């Protein structure tokens, strides 16, 4: 939830800055940054689903006596979710690069 709020805040402040600096929303790097933001949010949401399930399971197991669980270990080590999260991070870094160097 806080990640979504932070992501929406970053988008809102970024768009406000584009409007204030009179850069133009049709500028290629601004359009690319917005597209990368959408991609990053989608990838992060997909990658975070497994982590959320792992957290719920860990909380339930802790309430039941904190026994180790093969299911929890599997959720924590889920490679596709980890790769999706890395891809979301890479998209955010690409946005930062676009904002700093403003190509074109």
PDB file of N, CA and C in Angstrom:
ATOM      1  N   UNK A   1       0.820  -1.184   0.000  1.00  0.00           N
ATOM      2  CA  UNK A   1       0.000   0.000   0.000  1.00  0.00           C
ATOM      3  C   UNK A   1       0.876   1.265   0.000  1.00  0.00           C
ATOM      4  N   UNK A   2       1.892   1.307   0.874  1.00  0.00           N
ATOM      5  CA  UNK A   2       2.758   2.481   0.924  1.00  0.00           C
ATOM      6  C   UNK A   2       3.564   2.628  -0.366  1.00  0.00           C
ATOM      7  N   UNK A   3       3.907   1.514  -0.977  1.00  0.00           N
ATOM      8  CA  UNK A   3       4.632   1.564  -2.244  1.00  0.00           C
ATOM      9  C   UNK A   3       3.763   2.191  -3.322  1.00  0.00           C
ATOM     10  N   UNK A   4       2.499   1.820  -3.347  1.00  0.00           N
ATOM     11  CA  UNK A   4       1.580   2.405  -4.336  1.00  0.00           C
ATOM     12  C   UNK A   4       1.394   3.898  -4.100  1.00  0.00           C
ATOM     13  N   UNK A   5       1.261   4.291  -2.840  1.00  0.00           N
ATOM     14  CA  UNK A   5       1.107   5.704  -2.519  1.00  0.00           C
ATOM     15  C   UNK A   5       2.361   6.476  -2.921  1.00  0.00           C
ATOM     16  N   UNK A   6       3.528   5.917  -2.621  1.00  0.00           N
ATOM     17  CA  UNK A   6       4.781   6.559  -3.014  1.00  0.00           C
ATOM     18  C   UNK A   6       4.925   6.655  -4.517  1.00  0.00           C
ATOM     19  N   UNK A   7       4.549   5.597  -5.222  1.00  0.00           N
ATOM     20  CA  UNK A   7       4.623   5.614  -6.683  1.00  0.00           C
ATOM     21  C   UNK A   7       3.696   6.645  -7.297  1.00  0.00           C
ATOM     22  N   UNK A   8       2.479   6.743  -6.765  1.00  0.00           N
ATOM     23  CA  UNK A   8       1.540   7.746  -7.271  1.00  0.00           C
ATOM     24  C   UNK A   8       2.007   9.158  -6.927  1.00  0.00           C
ATOM     25  N   UNK A   9       2.589   9.312  -5.733  1.00  0.00           N
ATOM     26  CA  UNK A   9       3.131  10.621  -5.360  1.00  0.00           C
ATOM     27  C   UNK A   9       4.271  11.036  -6.270  1.00  0.00           C
ATOM     28  N   UNK A  10       5.164  10.097  -6.570  1.00  0.00           N
ATOM     29  CA  UNK A  10       6.284  10.398  -7.467  1.00  0.00           C
ATOM     30  C   UNK A  10       5.784  10.792  -8.854  1.00  0.00           C
ATOM     31  N   UNK A  11       4.772  10.085  -9.343  1.00  0.00           N
ATOM     32  CA  UNK A  11       4.206  10.421 -10.646  1.00  0.00           C
ATOM     33  C   UNK A  11       3.570  11.809 -10.604  1.00  0.00           C
ATOM     34  N   UNK A  12       2.781  12.085  -9.570  1.00  0.00           N
ATOM     35  CA  UNK A  12       2.100  13.380  -9.472  1.00  0.00           C
ATOM     36  C   UNK A  12       3.105  14.533  -9.394  1.00  0.00           C
ATOM     37  N   UNK A  13       4.112  14.397  -8.528  1.00  0.00           N
ATOM     38  CA  UNK A  13       5.105  15.466  -8.411  1.00  0.00           C
ATOM     39  C   UNK A  13       5.934  15.593  -9.693  1.00  0.00           C
ATOM     40  N   UNK A  14       6.233  14.475 -10.336  1.00  0.00           N
ATOM     41  CA  UNK A  14       6.976  14.523 -11.591  1.00  0.00           C
ATOM     42  C   UNK A  14       6.195  15.225 -12.689  1.00  0.00           C
ATOM     43  N   UNK A  15       4.911  14.909 -12.788  1.00  0.00           N
ATOM     44  CA  UNK A  15       4.076  15.575 -13.795  1.00  0.00           C
ATOM     45  C   UNK A  15       3.907  17.051 -13.480  1.00  0.00           C
ATOM     46  N   UNK A  16       3.792  17.383 -12.194  1.00  0.00           N
ATOM     47  CA  UNK A  16       3.697  18.796 -11.815  1.00  0.00           C
ATOM     48  C   UNK A  16       4.978  19.539 -12.179  1.00  0.00           C
ATOM     49  N   UNK A  17       6.113  18.891 -11.981  1.00  0.00           N
ATOM     50  CA  UNK A  17       7.389  19.513 -12.329  1.00  0.00           C
ATOM     51  C   UNK A  17       7.519  19.713 -13.831  1.00  0.00           C
ATOM     52  N   UNK A  18       7.059  18.747 -14.606  1.00  0.00           N
ATOM     53  CA  UNK A  18       7.082  18.889 -16.070  1.00  0.00           C
ATOM     54  C   UNK A  18       6.232  20.083 -16.486  1.00  0.00           C
ATOM     55  N   UNK A  19       5.059  20.212 -15.863  1.00  0.00           N
ATOM     56  CA  UNK A  19       4.197  21.343 -16.182  1.00  0.00           C
ATOM     57  C   UNK A  19       4.790  22.671 -15.735  1.00  0.00           C
ATOM     58  N   UNK A  20       5.403  22.707 -14.563  1.00  0.00           N
ATOM     59  CA  UNK A  20       5.980  23.940 -14.026  1.00  0.00           C
ATOM     60  C   UNK A  20       7.180  24.405 -14.840  1.00  0.00           C
ATOM     61  N   UNK A  21       8.018  23.475 -15.261  1.00  0.00           N
ATOM     62  CA  UNK A  21       9.223  23.817 -16.014  1.00  0.00           C
ATOM     63  C   UNK A  21       8.943  24.017 -17.506  1.00  0.00           C
ATOM     64  N   UNK A  22       7.685  23.841 -17.904  1.00  0.00           N
ATOM     65  CA  UNK A  22       7.275  24.009 -19.303  1.00  0.00           C
ATOM     66  C   UNK A  22       8.105  23.139 -20.253  1.00  0.00           C
ATOM     67  N   UNK A  23       8.310  21.896 -19.835  1.00  0.00           N
ATOM     68  CA  UNK A  23       9.074  20.947 -20.652  1.00  0.00           C
ATOM     69  C   UNK A  23       8.199  20.376 -21.760  1.00  0.00           C
ATOM     70  N   UNK A  24       6.962  20.105 -21.452  1.00  0.00           N
ATOM     71  CA  UNK A  24       6.034  19.538 -22.420  1.00  0.00           C
ATOM     72  C   UNK A  24       5.878  18.042 -22.226  1.00  0.00           C
ATOM     73  N   UNK A  25       4.635  17.617 -22.142  1.00  0.00           N
ATOM     74  CA  UNK A  25       4.344  16.206 -21.901  1.00  0.00           C
ATOM     75  C   UNK A  25       4.601  15.348 -23.139  1.00  0.00           C
ATOM     76  N   UNK A  26       4.721  15.970 -24.312  1.00  0.00           N
ATOM     77  CA  UNK A  26       4.988  15.230 -25.537  1.00  0.00           C
ATOM     78  C   UNK A  26       6.464  14.996 -25.800  1.00  0.00           C
ATOM     79  N   UNK A  27       7.317  15.531 -24.938  1.00  0.00           N
ATOM     80  CA  UNK A  27       8.756  15.332 -25.088  1.00  0.00           C
ATOM     81  C   UNK A  27       9.053  13.841 -24.968  1.00  0.00           C
ATOM     82  N   UNK A  28       9.941  13.352 -25.810  1.00  0.00           N
ATOM     83  CA  UNK A  28      10.200  11.909 -25.888  1.00  0.00           C
ATOM     84  C   UNK A  28      10.636  11.321 -24.558  1.00  0.00           C
ATOM     85  N   UNK A  29      11.548  11.991 -23.861  1.00  0.00           N
ATOM     86  CA  UNK A  29      12.039  11.407 -22.609  1.00  0.00           C
ATOM     87  C   UNK A  29      10.977  11.426 -21.515  1.00  0.00           C
ATOM     88  N   UNK A  30      10.075  12.414 -21.547  1.00  0.00           N
ATOM     89  CA  UNK A  30       8.984  12.452 -20.568  1.00  0.00           C
ATOM     90  C   UNK A  30       8.005  11.318 -20.848  1.00  0.00           C
ATOM     91  N   UNK A  31       7.665  11.129 -22.125  1.00  0.00           N
ATOM     92  CA  UNK A  31       6.766  10.028 -22.495  1.00  0.00           C
ATOM     93  C   UNK A  31       7.378   8.678 -22.145  1.00  0.00           C
ATOM     94  N   UNK A  32       8.673   8.534 -22.392  1.00  0.00           N
ATOM     95  CA  UNK A  32       9.356   7.275 -22.055  1.00  0.00           C
ATOM     96  C   UNK A  32       9.356   7.045 -20.550  1.00  0.00           C
ATOM     97  N   UNK A  33       9.569   8.098 -19.776  1.00  0.00           N
ATOM     98  CA  UNK A  33       9.573   7.972 -18.313  1.00  0.00           C
ATOM     99  C   UNK A  33       8.200   7.568 -17.796  1.00  0.00           C
ATOM    100  N   UNK A  34       7.145   8.132 -18.359  1.00  0.00           N
ATOM    101  CA  UNK A  34       5.788   7.770 -17.941  1.00  0.00           C
ATOM    102  C   UNK A  34       5.504   6.311 -18.297  1.00  0.00           C
ATOM    103  N   UNK A  35       5.905   5.892 -19.492  1.00  0.00           N
ATOM    104  CA  UNK A  35       5.710   4.492 -19.897  1.00  0.00           C
ATOM    105  C   UNK A  35       6.493   3.552 -18.985  1.00  0.00           C
ATOM    106  N   UNK A  36       7.721   3.929 -18.656  1.00  0.00           N
ATOM    107  CA  UNK A  36       8.526   3.102 -17.746  1.00  0.00           C
ATOM    108  C   UNK A  36       7.917   3.056 -16.343  1.00  0.00           C
ATOM    109  N   UNK A  37       7.286   4.136 -15.913  1.00  0.00           N
ATOM    110  CA  UNK A  37       6.617   4.148 -14.611  1.00  0.00           C
ATOM    111  C   UNK A  37       5.484   3.125 -14.603  1.00  0.00           C
ATOM    112  N   UNK A  38       4.696   3.112 -15.681  1.00  0.00           N
ATOM    113  CA  UNK A  38       3.590   2.148 -15.783  1.00  0.00           C
ATOM    114  C   UNK A  38       4.144   0.722 -15.766  1.00  0.00           C
ATOM    115  N   UNK A  39       5.188   0.474 -16.540  1.00  0.00           N
ATOM    116  CA  UNK A  39       5.811  -0.850 -16.589  1.00  0.00           C
ATOM    117  C   UNK A  39       6.347  -1.241 -15.222  1.00  0.00           C
ATOM    118  N   UNK A  40       7.014  -0.315 -14.559  1.00  0.00           N
ATOM    119  CA  UNK A  40       7.581  -0.608 -13.249  1.00  0.00           C
ATOM    120  C   UNK A  40       6.507  -0.941 -12.227  1.00  0.00           C
ATOM    121  N   UNK A  41       5.419  -0.197 -12.229  1.00  0.00           N
ATOM    122  CA  UNK A  41       4.335  -0.480 -11.285  1.00  0.00           C
ATOM    123  C   UNK A  41       3.715  -1.848 -11.563  1.00  0.00           C
ATOM    124  N   UNK A  42       3.537  -2.184 -12.828  1.00  0.00           N
ATOM    125  CA  UNK A  42       2.961  -3.488 -13.173  1.00  0.00           C
ATOM    126  C   UNK A  42       3.897  -4.630 -12.777  1.00  0.00           C
ATOM    127  N   UNK A  43       5.177  -4.495 -13.096  1.00  0.00           N
ATOM    128  CA  UNK A  43       6.143  -5.537 -12.746  1.00  0.00           C
ATOM    129  C   UNK A  43       6.287  -5.676 -11.234  1.00  0.00           C
ATOM    130  N   UNK A  44       6.338  -4.551 -10.538  1.00  0.00           N
ATOM    131  CA  UNK A  44       6.449  -4.585  -9.079  1.00  0.00           C
ATOM    132  C   UNK A  44       5.231  -5.212  -8.431  1.00  0.00           C
ATOM    133  N   UNK A  45       4.060  -4.905  -8.966  1.00  0.00           N
ATOM    134  CA  UNK A  45       2.834  -5.511  -8.445  1.00  0.00           C
ATOM    135  C   UNK A  45       2.811  -7.004  -8.641  1.00  0.00           C
ATOM    136  N   UNK A  46       3.219  -7.442  -9.824  1.00  0.00           N
ATOM    137  CA  UNK A  46       3.253  -8.876 -10.103  1.00  0.00           C
ATOM    138  C   UNK A  46       4.310  -9.583  -9.269  1.00  0.00           C
ATOM    139  N   UNK A  47       5.460  -8.967  -9.137  1.00  0.00           N
ATOM    140  CA  UNK A  47       6.540  -9.569  -8.354  1.00  0.00           C
ATOM    141  C   UNK A  47       6.265  -9.561  -6.864  1.00  0.00           C
ATOM    142  N   UNK A  48       5.531  -8.570  -6.399  1.00  0.00           N
ATOM    143  CA  UNK A  48       5.253  -8.452  -4.980  1.00  0.00           C
ATOM    144  C   UNK A  48       4.152  -9.360  -4.464  1.00  0.00           C
ATOM    145  N   UNK A  49       3.376  -9.933  -5.367  1.00  0.00           N
ATOM    146  CA  UNK A  49       2.281 -10.814  -4.957  1.00  0.00           C
ATOM    147  C   UNK A  49       2.782 -12.001  -4.141  1.00  0.00           C
ATOM    148  N   UNK A  50       3.835 -12.633  -4.614  1.00  0.00           N
ATOM    149  CA  UNK A  50       4.380 -13.797  -3.914  1.00  0.00           C
ATOM    150  C   UNK A  50       4.948 -13.396  -2.555  1.00  0.00           C
ATOM    151  N   UNK A  51       5.615 -12.250  -2.500  1.00  0.00           N
ATOM    152  CA  UNK A  51       6.161 -11.776  -1.225  1.00  0.00           C
ATOM    153  C   UNK A  51       5.037 -11.493  -0.230  1.00  0.00           C
ATOM    154  N   UNK A  52       3.931 -10.948  -0.716  1.00  0.00           N
ATOM    155  CA  UNK A  52       2.793 -10.680   0.165  1.00  0.00           C
ATOM    156  C   UNK A  52       2.224 -11.982   0.717  1.00  0.00           C
ATOM    157  N   UNK A  53       2.100 -12.998  -0.145  1.00  0.00           N
ATOM    158  CA  UNK A  53       1.615 -14.304   0.319  1.00  0.00           C
ATOM    159  C   UNK A  53       2.583 -14.919   1.331  1.00  0.00           C
ATOM    160  N   UNK A  54       3.876 -14.739   1.094  1.00  0.00           N
ATOM    161  CA  UNK A  54       4.879 -15.256   2.039  1.00  0.00           C
ATOM    162  C   UNK A  54       4.743 -14.562   3.390  1.00  0.00           C
ATOM    163  N   UNK A  55       4.508 -13.261   3.369  1.00  0.00           N
ATOM    164  CA  UNK A  55       4.338 -12.536   4.629  1.00  0.00           C
ATOM    165  C   UNK A  55       3.106 -13.021   5.391  1.00  0.00           C
ATOM    166  N   UNK A  56       1.986 -13.208   4.679  1.00  0.00           N
ATOM    167  CA  UNK A  56       0.771 -13.698   5.336  1.00  0.00           C
ATOM    168  C   UNK A  56       0.996 -15.079   5.940  1.00  0.00           C
ATOM    169  N   UNK A  57       1.680 -15.946   5.197  1.00  0.00           N
ATOM    170  CA  UNK A  57       1.957 -17.287   5.699  1.00  0.00           C
ATOM    171  C   UNK A  57       2.881 -17.227   6.904  1.00  0.00           C
ATOM    172  N   UNK A  58       3.909 -16.397   6.844  1.00  0.00           N
ATOM    173  CA  UNK A  58       4.840 -16.270   7.968  1.00  0.00           C
ATOM    174  C   UNK A  58       4.121 -15.755   9.214  1.00  0.00           C
ATOM    175  N   UNK A  59       3.222 -14.791   9.040  1.00  0.00           N
ATOM    176  CA  UNK A  59       2.459 -14.286  10.179  1.00  0.00           C
ATOM    177  C   UNK A  59       1.559 -15.370  10.769  1.00  0.00           C
ATOM    178  N   UNK A  60       0.937 -16.139   9.903  1.00  0.00           N
ATOM    179  CA  UNK A  60       0.070 -17.226  10.378  1.00  0.00           C
ATOM    180  C   UNK A  60       0.873 -18.290  11.106  1.00  0.00           C
ATOM    181  N   UNK A  61       2.024 -18.666  10.536  1.00  0.00           N
ATOM    182  CA  UNK A  61       2.872 -19.669  11.177  1.00  0.00           C
ATOM    183  C   UNK A  61       3.391 -19.171  12.526  1.00  0.00           C
ATOM    184  N   UNK A  62       3.729 -17.895  12.612  1.00  0.00           N
ATOM    185  CA  UNK A  62       4.213 -17.339  13.880  1.00  0.00           C
ATOM    186  C   UNK A  62       3.110 -17.383  14.939  1.00  0.00           C
ATOM    187  N   UNK A  63       1.885 -17.122  14.527  1.00  0.00           N
ATOM    188  CA  UNK A  63       0.770 -17.161  15.473  1.00  0.00           C
ATOM    189  C   UNK A  63       0.468 -18.587  15.927  1.00  0.00           C
ATOM    190  N   UNK A  64       0.796 -19.559  15.088  1.00  0.00           N
ATOM    191  CA  UNK A  64       0.513 -20.971  15.409  1.00  0.00           C
ATOM    192  C   UNK A  64       1.679 -21.649  16.115  1.00  0.00           C
ATOM    193  N   UNK A  65       2.721 -20.956  16.428  1.00  0.00           N
ATOM    194  CA  UNK A  65       3.843 -21.569  17.128  1.00  0.00           C
ATOM    195  C   UNK A  65       5.152 -21.508  16.378  1.00  0.00           C
ATOM    196  N   UNK A  66       5.182 -20.827  15.241  1.00  0.00           N
ATOM    197  CA  UNK A  66       6.424 -20.568  14.520  1.00  0.00           C
ATOM    198  C   UNK A  66       7.167 -21.833  14.085  1.00  0.00           C
ATOM    199  N   UNK A  67       6.443 -22.734  13.471  1.00  0.00           N
ATOM    200  CA  UNK A  67       7.067 -23.942  12.933  1.00  0.00           C
ATOM    201  C   UNK A  67       7.593 -23.669  11.521  1.00  0.00           C
ATOM    202  N   UNK A  68       8.731 -24.243  11.171  1.00  0.00           N
ATOM    203  CA  UNK A  68       9.254 -24.072   9.802  1.00  0.00           C
ATOM    204  C   UNK A  68       8.279 -24.673   8.784  1.00  0.00           C
ATOM    205  N   UNK A  69       8.292 -24.103   7.619  1.00  0.00           N
ATOM    206  CA  UNK A  69       7.366 -24.552   6.585  1.00  0.00           C
ATOM    207  C   UNK A  69       8.081 -24.615   5.237  1.00  0.00           C
ATOM    208  N   UNK A  70       7.910 -25.711   4.566  1.00  0.00           N
ATOM    209  CA  UNK A  70       8.471 -25.859   3.213  1.00  0.00           C
ATOM    210  C   UNK A  70       7.785 -24.882   2.257  1.00  0.00           C
ATOM    211  N   UNK A  71       6.489 -24.657   2.466  1.00  0.00           N
ATOM    212  CA  UNK A  71       5.748 -23.726   1.618  1.00  0.00           C
ATOM    213  C   UNK A  71       6.299 -22.303   1.743  1.00  0.00           C
ATOM    214  N   UNK A  72       6.630 -21.900   2.956  1.00  0.00           N
ATOM    215  CA  UNK A  72       7.193 -20.569   3.173  1.00  0.00           C
ATOM    216  C   UNK A  72       8.553 -20.441   2.492  1.00  0.00           C
ATOM    217  N   UNK A  73       9.376 -21.456   2.631  1.00  0.00           N
ATOM    218  CA  UNK A  73      10.692 -21.436   1.979  1.00  0.00           C
ATOM    219  C   UNK A  73      10.545 -21.347   0.457  1.00  0.00           C
ATOM    220  N   UNK A  74       9.571 -22.044  -0.076  1.00  0.00           N
ATOM    221  CA  UNK A  74       9.327 -22.009  -1.521  1.00  0.00           C
ATOM    222  C   UNK A  74       8.871 -20.621  -1.965  1.00  0.00           C
ATOM    223  N   UNK A  75       7.978 -20.007  -1.193  1.00  0.00           N
ATOM    224  CA  UNK A  75       7.497 -18.671  -1.540  1.00  0.00           C
ATOM    225  C   UNK A  75       8.625 -17.638  -1.486  1.00  0.00           C
ATOM    226  N   UNK A  76       9.451 -17.717  -0.467  1.00  0.00           N
ATOM    227  CA  UNK A  76      10.537 -16.755  -0.306  1.00  0.00           C
ATOM    228  C   UNK A  76      11.563 -16.895  -1.437  1.00  0.00           C
ATOM    229  N   UNK A  77      11.792 -18.109  -1.888  1.00  0.00           N
ATOM    230  CA  UNK A  77      12.799 -18.365  -2.923  1.00  0.00           C
ATOM    231  C   UNK A  77      12.215 -18.370  -4.337  1.00  0.00           C
ATOM    232  N   UNK A  78      11.001 -17.883  -4.527  1.00  0.00           N
ATOM    233  CA  UNK A  78      10.343 -17.917  -5.840  1.00  0.00           C
ATOM    234  C   UNK A  78      11.087 -17.011  -6.828  1.00  0.00           C
ATOM    235  N   UNK A  79      11.830 -17.628  -7.721  1.00  0.00           N
ATOM    236  CA  UNK A  79      12.718 -16.901  -8.634  1.00  0.00           C
ATOM    237  C   UNK A  79      11.982 -15.968  -9.605  1.00  0.00           C
ATOM    238  N   UNK A  80      10.865 -16.378 -10.219  1.00  0.00           N
ATOM    239  CA  UNK A  80      10.177 -15.447 -11.136  1.00  0.00           C
ATOM    240  C   UNK A  80       9.748 -14.141 -10.455  1.00  0.00           C
ATOM    241  N   UNK A  81       9.292 -14.228  -9.213  1.00  0.00           N
ATOM    242  CA  UNK A  81       8.895 -13.009  -8.497  1.00  0.00           C
ATOM    243  C   UNK A  81      10.098 -12.123  -8.233  1.00  0.00           C
ATOM    244  N   UNK A  82      11.205 -12.729  -7.896  1.00  0.00           N
ATOM    245  CA  UNK A  82      12.426 -11.969  -7.664  1.00  0.00           C
ATOM    246  C   UNK A  82      12.875 -11.265  -8.942  1.00  0.00           C
ATOM    247  N   UNK A  83      12.801 -11.965 -10.062  1.00  0.00           N
ATOM    248  CA  UNK A  83      13.192 -11.362 -11.342  1.00  0.00           C
ATOM    249  C   UNK A  83      12.263 -10.219 -11.733  1.00  0.00           C
ATOM    250  N   UNK A  84      10.963 -10.373 -11.462  1.00  0.00           N
ATOM    251  CA  UNK A  84      10.020  -9.287 -11.736  1.00  0.00           C
ATOM    252  C   UNK A  84      10.340  -8.060 -10.887  1.00  0.00           C
ATOM    253  N   UNK A  85      10.685  -8.280  -9.645  1.00  0.00           N
ATOM    254  CA  UNK A  85      11.046  -7.165  -8.768  1.00  0.00           C
ATOM    255  C   UNK A  85      12.328  -6.485  -9.240  1.00  0.00           C
ATOM    256  N   UNK A  86      13.299  -7.266  -9.681  1.00  0.00           N
ATOM    257  CA  UNK A  86      14.528  -6.684 -10.232  1.00  0.00           C
ATOM    258  C   UNK A  86      14.229  -5.870 -11.491  1.00  0.00           C
ATOM    259  N   UNK A  87      13.343  -6.375 -12.339  1.00  0.00           N
ATOM    260  CA  UNK A  87      12.984  -5.657 -13.559  1.00  0.00           C
ATOM    261  C   UNK A  87      12.282  -4.341 -13.226  1.00  0.00           C
ATOM    262  N   UNK A  88      11.427  -4.349 -12.211  1.00  0.00           N
ATOM    263  CA  UNK A  88      10.761  -3.117 -11.776  1.00  0.00           C
ATOM    264  C   UNK A  88      11.791  -2.106 -11.278  1.00  0.00           C
ATOM    265  N   UNK A  89      12.770  -2.574 -10.539  1.00  0.00           N
ATOM    266  CA  UNK A  89      13.835  -1.692 -10.050  1.00  0.00           C
ATOM    267  C   UNK A  89      14.635  -1.127 -11.220  1.00  0.00           C
ATOM    268  N   UNK A  90      14.942  -1.956 -12.203  1.00  0.00           N
ATOM    269  CA  UNK A  90      15.682  -1.492 -13.381  1.00  0.00           C
ATOM    270  C   UNK A  90      14.892  -0.420 -14.134  1.00  0.00           C
ATOM    271  N   UNK A  91      13.583  -0.578 -14.220  1.00  0.00           N
ATOM    272  CA  UNK A  91      12.752   0.433 -14.887  1.00  0.00           C
ATOM    273  C   UNK A  91      12.801   1.750 -14.116  1.00  0.00           C
ATOM    274  N   UNK A  92      12.794   1.680 -12.785  1.00  0.00           N
ATOM    275  CA  UNK A  92      12.886   2.902 -11.979  1.00  0.00           C
ATOM    276  C   UNK A  92      14.243   3.587 -12.150  1.00  0.00           C
ATOM    277  N   UNK A  93      15.301   2.804 -12.245  1.00  0.00           N
ATOM    278  CA  UNK A  93      16.631   3.373 -12.477  1.00  0.00           C
ATOM    279  C   UNK A  93      16.673   4.038 -13.854  1.00  0.00           C
ATOM    280  N   UNK A  94      16.028   3.413 -14.837  1.00  0.00           N
ATOM    281  CA  UNK A  94      15.980   4.002 -16.178  1.00  0.00           C
ATOM    282  C   UNK A  94      15.228   5.333 -16.156  1.00  0.00           C
ATOM    283  N   UNK A  95      14.173   5.431 -15.355  1.00  0.00           N
ATOM    284  CA  UNK A  95      13.444   6.692 -15.214  1.00  0.00           C
ATOM    285  C   UNK A  95      14.371   7.756 -14.624  1.00  0.00           C
ATOM    286  N   UNK A  96      15.109   7.378 -13.617  1.00  0.00           N
ATOM    287  CA  UNK A  96      16.044   8.313 -12.996  1.00  0.00           C
ATOM    288  C   UNK A  96      17.087   8.796 -14.001  1.00  0.00           C
ATOM    289  N   UNK A  97      17.604   7.888 -14.804  1.00  0.00           N
ATOM    290  CA  UNK A  97      18.582   8.257 -15.839  1.00  0.00           C
ATOM    291  C   UNK A  97      17.958   9.237 -16.827  1.00  0.00           C
ATOM    292  N   UNK A  98      16.720   8.963 -17.257  1.00  0.00           N
ATOM    293  CA  UNK A  98      16.041   9.867 -18.190  1.00  0.00           C
ATOM    294  C   UNK A  98      15.843  11.253 -17.579  1.00  0.00           C
ATOM    295  N   UNK A  99      15.503  11.282 -16.310  1.00  0.00           N
ATOM    296  CA  UNK A  99      15.240  12.578 -15.669  1.00  0.00           C
ATOM    297  C   UNK A  99      16.514  13.392 -15.454  1.00  0.00           C
ATOM    298  N   UNK A 100      17.611  12.706 -15.189  1.00  0.00           N
ATOM    299  CA  UNK A 100      18.869  13.425 -14.955  1.00  0.00           C
ATOM    300  C   UNK A 100      19.464  13.943 -16.256  1.00  0.00           C
ATOM    301  N   UNK A 101      19.524  13.100 -17.273  1.00  0.00           N
ATOM    302  CA  UNK A 101      20.192  13.491 -18.511  1.00  0.00           C
ATOM    303  C   UNK A 101      19.276  14.082 -19.561  1.00  0.00           C
ATOM    304  N   UNK A 102      17.987  13.915 -19.447  1.00  0.00           N
ATOM    305  CA  UNK A 102      16.985  14.474 -20.361  1.00  0.00           C
ATOM    306  C   UNK A 102      17.427  14.430 -21.822  1.00  0.00           C
ATOM    307  N   UNK A 103      17.580  13.217 -22.375  1.00  0.00           N
ATOM    308  CA  UNK A 103      18.039  13.108 -23.764  1.00  0.00           C
ATOM    309  C   UNK A 103      17.030  13.678 -24.755  1.00  0.00           C
ATOM    310  N   UNK A 104      17.540  14.186 -25.840  1.00  0.00           N
ATOM    311  CA  UNK A 104      16.688  14.667 -26.925  1.00  0.00           C
ATOM    312  C   UNK A 104      16.247  16.037 -26.677  1.00  0.00           C
TER     313      UNK A 104
END
